[in-house]
Amino acid sequence: MQKLKSHPVYKVSKDVYLLQMLWALLVLGAIVLIHFLLGIFVRDLAWIDRSALSALANPIQVFMLIFGIIGGAYFLKHFIRHGVTRKHCFAGVLISGVLAVVSLQIVALLLTFLSYGIEALAPYEAGRETIAYLGQERGYLVSMIVNAALTLVYYIFGWLIGIGFYRYKVLRGFAFILLAVFVLGIIGTMWLPESEWNFMGISLNLIDTSRLWVAFLITDATLLLGILLLYAIYRKAPVSPH
């Protein structure tokens, strides 16, 4: 155990994970508080009917996207200056992202169950709707798995944007923004009932699936390709001395 704790990957993943969770709990805590207050005082808003697991899905994705961008721009330089290799830095940051995504899904589920307890003690009506992936509500377990996979895609492509700007600077860095917008748009809308995406006024129907396992397989394949592209860029990215 002591040998594991002294490994660079463990140290990187621990540091980044704690930072991610600290920021996430501050940001998402504010969202939960707003959700709770609106649930008490403004009961005619449609999104109040959603469970915490559902209501936090998009905020968690946006948070991990932004954190990925920041991490891609700063973590490589930071950890290499502290004697960590590119390989260990990449592995540590990737592991921390996976752990953070899983942890946030568990936190959202616990908040969902907690809201049911509060409902019995306070003038608060807890939402129970989950996300209707492919037009159907899938329950807590499947929703958590799909949410986690989609959030990881957001994290990886946010990371690609950050490292793209870090390595290739502004002009070529914009290509990574376009790549992320295209991929996230396609993957996100693939899970909607009609699988249609509107890009700059043009309706696209590039991936049409009604099967859960097919959509999940495409999402995982996209995630894997994003990780491979990220590693290819990461392992050769220069690090400035200052």
Protein backbone atom coordinates (compact mmCIF):
# COMPACT_ATOMS: atom_id res chain seq x y z
CA MET A 1 0.00 0.00 0.00
CA GLN A 2 2.82 2.37 0.84
CA LYS A 3 4.46 1.64 -2.50
CA LEU A 4 1.20 2.49 -4.27
CA LYS A 5 0.88 5.80 -2.44
CA SER A 6 4.39 6.78 -3.48
CA HIS A 7 3.72 6.09 -7.17
CA PRO A 8 3.52 9.26 -9.32
CA VAL A 9 0.22 8.18 -10.92
CA TYR A 10 -1.37 7.82 -7.48
CA LYS A 11 -0.11 11.24 -6.38
CA VAL A 12 -1.33 12.95 -9.55
CA SER A 13 -4.72 11.26 -9.51
CA LYS A 14 -5.20 12.02 -5.81
CA ASP A 15 -4.28 15.71 -6.15
CA VAL A 16 -6.43 16.27 -9.25
CA TYR A 17 -9.35 14.25 -7.87
CA LEU A 18 -9.47 16.24 -4.63
CA LEU A 19 -9.32 19.49 -6.59
CA GLN A 20 -12.09 18.34 -8.93
CA MET A 21 -14.36 17.26 -6.10
CA LEU A 22 -13.78 20.46 -4.12
CA TRP A 23 -14.77 22.63 -7.06
CA ALA A 24 -17.62 20.32 -8.04
CA LEU A 25 -19.15 20.28 -4.58
CA LEU A 26 -18.99 24.08 -4.37
CA VAL A 27 -20.57 24.60 -7.80
CA LEU A 28 -23.11 21.79 -7.64
CA GLY A 29 -23.90 22.59 -4.01
CA ALA A 30 -25.11 26.01 -5.10
CA ILE A 31 -27.24 24.41 -7.84
CA VAL A 32 -28.76 21.95 -5.35
CA LEU A 33 -29.59 24.79 -2.95
CA ILE A 34 -31.33 26.74 -5.72
CA HIS A 35 -33.19 23.61 -6.81
CA PHE A 36 -34.36 22.98 -3.23
CA LEU A 37 -35.52 26.57 -2.66
CA LEU A 38 -37.39 26.67 -5.95
CA GLY A 39 -38.96 23.35 -5.07
CA ILE A 40 -40.44 24.98 -1.97
CA PHE A 41 -41.42 28.41 -3.27
CA VAL A 42 -41.92 27.99 -7.03
CA ARG A 43 -43.62 24.70 -7.76
CA ASP A 44 -44.83 25.30 -11.31
CA LEU A 45 -41.42 24.95 -12.99
CA ALA A 46 -41.23 21.80 -15.12
CA TRP A 47 -37.63 20.95 -14.27
CA ILE A 48 -38.46 20.87 -10.55
CA ASP A 49 -40.20 17.53 -11.26
CA ARG A 50 -36.87 15.96 -12.18
CA SER A 51 -34.90 13.92 -9.68
CA ALA A 52 -31.56 15.23 -8.42
CA LEU A 53 -29.84 12.59 -10.55
CA SER A 54 -31.55 13.98 -13.63
CA ALA A 55 -31.35 17.67 -12.72
CA LEU A 56 -27.59 17.49 -12.05
CA ALA A 57 -26.71 15.51 -15.19
CA ASN A 58 -26.16 18.53 -17.45
CA PRO A 59 -24.43 20.71 -14.81
CA ILE A 60 -22.02 17.85 -14.07
CA GLN A 61 -21.26 17.46 -17.78
CA VAL A 62 -20.60 21.18 -18.20
CA PHE A 63 -18.45 21.24 -15.07
CA MET A 64 -16.31 18.32 -16.28
CA LEU A 65 -16.01 19.92 -19.73
CA ILE A 66 -14.70 23.15 -18.19
CA PHE A 67 -12.42 21.31 -15.79
CA GLY A 68 -11.08 19.28 -18.71
CA ILE A 69 -10.26 22.48 -20.60
CA ILE A 70 -8.47 23.96 -17.59
CA GLY A 71 -6.65 20.71 -16.88
CA GLY A 72 -5.52 20.34 -20.46
CA ALA A 73 -4.06 23.82 -20.44
CA TYR A 74 -2.26 23.68 -17.08
CA PHE A 75 -1.76 20.21 -15.57
CA LEU A 76 0.93 18.95 -17.95
CA LYS A 77 3.17 21.93 -17.33
CA HIS A 78 2.50 21.85 -13.59
CA PHE A 79 3.27 18.19 -12.97
CA ILE A 80 6.26 17.90 -15.31
CA ARG A 81 7.88 20.78 -13.45
CA HIS A 82 7.47 18.65 -10.33
CA GLY A 83 9.31 15.72 -11.89
CA VAL A 84 6.33 13.70 -13.17
CA THR A 85 6.63 12.09 -16.60
CA ARG A 86 4.09 12.76 -19.36
CA LYS A 87 2.91 9.14 -19.17
CA HIS A 88 2.32 9.25 -15.42
CA CYS A 89 0.70 12.68 -15.65
CA PHE A 90 -1.68 11.51 -18.37
CA ALA A 91 -2.65 8.36 -16.47
CA GLY A 92 -3.16 10.23 -13.21
CA VAL A 93 -5.34 12.96 -14.70
CA LEU A 94 -7.38 10.38 -16.65
CA ILE A 95 -7.94 8.22 -13.55
CA SER A 96 -8.93 11.26 -11.50
CA GLY A 97 -11.50 12.19 -14.14
CA VAL A 98 -13.05 8.71 -14.11
CA LEU A 99 -13.17 8.68 -10.31
CA ALA A 100 -14.69 12.17 -10.18
CA VAL A 101 -17.39 11.27 -12.72
CA VAL A 102 -18.34 8.11 -10.82
CA SER A 103 -18.26 9.94 -7.48
CA LEU A 104 -20.52 12.73 -8.76
CA GLN A 105 -23.04 10.19 -10.06
CA ILE A 106 -23.12 8.58 -6.62
CA VAL A 107 -23.50 11.99 -4.95
CA ALA A 108 -26.41 12.81 -7.29
CA LEU A 109 -28.07 9.49 -6.46
CA LEU A 110 -27.63 10.06 -2.72
CA LEU A 111 -29.12 13.53 -3.08
CA THR A 112 -32.08 11.97 -4.89
CA PHE A 113 -32.75 9.63 -1.97
CA LEU A 114 -32.09 12.42 0.52
CA SER A 115 -34.73 14.56 -1.18
CA TYR A 116 -37.28 11.82 -0.58
CA GLY A 117 -36.47 11.93 3.13
CA ILE A 118 -36.73 15.74 3.21
CA GLU A 119 -40.08 15.47 1.45
CA ALA A 120 -41.51 13.67 4.48
CA LEU A 121 -40.28 16.34 6.91
CA ALA A 122 -40.59 19.65 5.05
CA PRO A 123 -42.97 21.42 2.63
CA TYR A 124 -40.94 20.15 -0.30
CA GLU A 125 -42.01 17.89 -3.15
CA ALA A 126 -39.10 15.85 -4.49
CA GLY A 127 -38.88 15.26 -8.23
CA ARG A 128 -38.83 11.70 -9.49
CA GLU A 129 -38.31 11.97 -13.24
CA THR A 130 -35.13 10.54 -14.75
CA ILE A 131 -33.72 11.40 -18.16
CA ALA A 132 -35.64 9.83 -21.04
CA TYR A 133 -32.71 8.41 -23.00
CA LEU A 134 -33.87 7.33 -26.48
CA GLY A 135 -37.33 8.46 -25.45
CA GLN A 136 -37.65 6.17 -22.42
CA GLU A 137 -36.93 6.65 -18.73
CA ARG A 138 -34.33 4.04 -17.83
CA GLY A 139 -34.32 4.04 -14.04
CA TYR A 140 -31.52 5.01 -11.68
CA LEU A 141 -28.85 2.42 -12.48
CA VAL A 142 -28.97 2.71 -16.29
CA SER A 143 -29.29 6.50 -16.05
CA MET A 144 -26.16 6.64 -13.88
CA ILE A 145 -24.19 4.48 -16.33
CA VAL A 146 -25.25 6.52 -19.37
CA ASN A 147 -24.71 9.80 -17.51
CA ALA A 148 -21.21 8.69 -16.51
CA ALA A 149 -20.28 7.66 -20.07
CA LEU A 150 -21.56 10.94 -21.54
CA THR A 151 -19.84 12.99 -18.83
CA LEU A 152 -16.54 11.26 -19.55
CA VAL A 153 -16.92 12.18 -23.22
CA TYR A 154 -17.40 15.81 -22.16
CA TYR A 155 -14.34 15.59 -19.92
CA ILE A 156 -12.09 14.05 -22.56
CA PHE A 157 -13.06 16.49 -25.29
CA GLY A 158 -12.74 19.41 -22.90
CA TRP A 159 -9.26 18.10 -22.13
CA LEU A 160 -8.56 17.95 -25.86
CA ILE A 161 -9.54 21.61 -26.21
CA GLY A 162 -7.21 22.59 -23.37
CA ILE A 163 -4.20 20.60 -24.59
CA GLY A 164 -4.93 21.66 -28.18
CA PHE A 165 -4.63 25.32 -27.27
CA TYR A 166 -1.62 24.61 -25.06
CA ARG A 167 0.31 22.76 -27.74
CA TYR A 168 -0.91 24.34 -31.00
CA LYS A 169 -1.76 27.84 -29.75
CA VAL A 170 -4.82 29.88 -30.72
CA LEU A 171 -5.39 29.40 -34.46
CA ARG A 172 -5.02 25.63 -34.61
CA GLY A 173 -6.51 25.35 -31.15
CA PHE A 174 -9.87 26.47 -32.52
CA ALA A 175 -9.97 23.26 -34.56
CA PHE A 176 -10.28 21.35 -31.28
CA ILE A 177 -13.26 23.48 -30.27
CA LEU A 178 -14.97 22.65 -33.57
CA LEU A 179 -14.13 18.97 -33.09
CA ALA A 180 -15.56 18.99 -29.56
CA VAL A 181 -18.74 20.83 -30.61
CA PHE A 182 -19.31 18.40 -33.46
CA VAL A 183 -18.65 15.24 -31.44
CA LEU A 184 -20.57 16.35 -28.33
CA GLY A 185 -23.48 17.50 -30.48
CA ILE A 186 -23.71 14.20 -32.32
CA ILE A 187 -23.27 12.01 -29.23
CA GLY A 188 -25.63 14.09 -27.09
CA THR A 189 -28.47 14.17 -29.60
CA MET A 190 -27.99 10.49 -30.45
CA TRP A 191 -29.58 9.74 -27.08
CA LEU A 192 -32.65 11.85 -27.86
CA PRO A 193 -35.82 10.17 -29.21
CA GLU A 194 -35.46 11.36 -32.82
CA SER A 195 -31.66 11.59 -32.94
CA GLU A 196 -31.66 14.84 -34.91
CA TRP A 197 -29.08 17.58 -34.53
CA ASN A 198 -29.36 21.13 -35.80
CA PHE A 199 -25.93 22.55 -36.71
CA MET A 200 -25.92 26.19 -37.86
CA GLY A 201 -29.49 25.84 -39.10
CA ILE A 202 -28.85 22.55 -40.90
CA SER A 203 -30.71 19.49 -39.60
CA LEU A 204 -28.44 16.47 -39.43
CA ASN A 205 -29.39 12.89 -38.73
CA LEU A 206 -25.98 11.23 -38.78
CA ILE A 207 -26.55 8.57 -36.13
CA ASP A 208 -30.01 7.10 -35.80
CA THR A 209 -30.43 4.35 -33.22
CA SER A 210 -33.26 3.20 -31.01
CA ARG A 211 -31.27 0.48 -29.24
CA LEU A 212 -29.68 1.23 -25.91
CA TRP A 213 -26.65 -1.01 -26.38
CA VAL A 214 -25.88 0.43 -29.82
CA ALA A 215 -25.97 4.01 -28.53
CA PHE A 216 -23.84 3.02 -25.55
CA LEU A 217 -21.33 1.22 -27.79
CA ILE A 218 -20.99 4.27 -30.06
CA THR A 219 -20.52 6.50 -27.00
CA ASP A 220 -17.80 4.22 -25.62
CA ALA A 221 -16.06 4.01 -29.00
CA THR A 222 -16.06 7.82 -29.21
CA LEU A 223 -14.65 7.97 -25.70
CA LEU A 224 -11.85 5.54 -26.58
CA LEU A 225 -10.93 7.41 -29.77
CA GLY A 226 -10.86 10.67 -27.81
CA ILE A 227 -8.50 9.16 -25.22
CA LEU A 228 -6.18 7.79 -27.93
CA LEU A 229 -6.08 11.16 -29.71
CA LEU A 230 -5.49 12.91 -26.41
CA TYR A 231 -2.59 10.61 -25.52
CA ALA A 232 -1.01 11.03 -28.96
CA ILE A 233 -0.98 14.80 -28.46
CA TYR A 234 -0.09 14.66 -24.78
CA ARG A 235 3.00 12.47 -25.05
CA LYS A 236 4.77 14.88 -27.39
CA ALA A 237 3.50 18.21 -26.12
CA PRO A 238 6.39 20.58 -25.34
CA VAL A 239 6.76 22.05 -21.87
CA SER A 240 8.10 25.56 -21.54
CA PRO A 241 10.74 26.14 -18.84
CA HIS A 242 8.73 28.99 -17.25
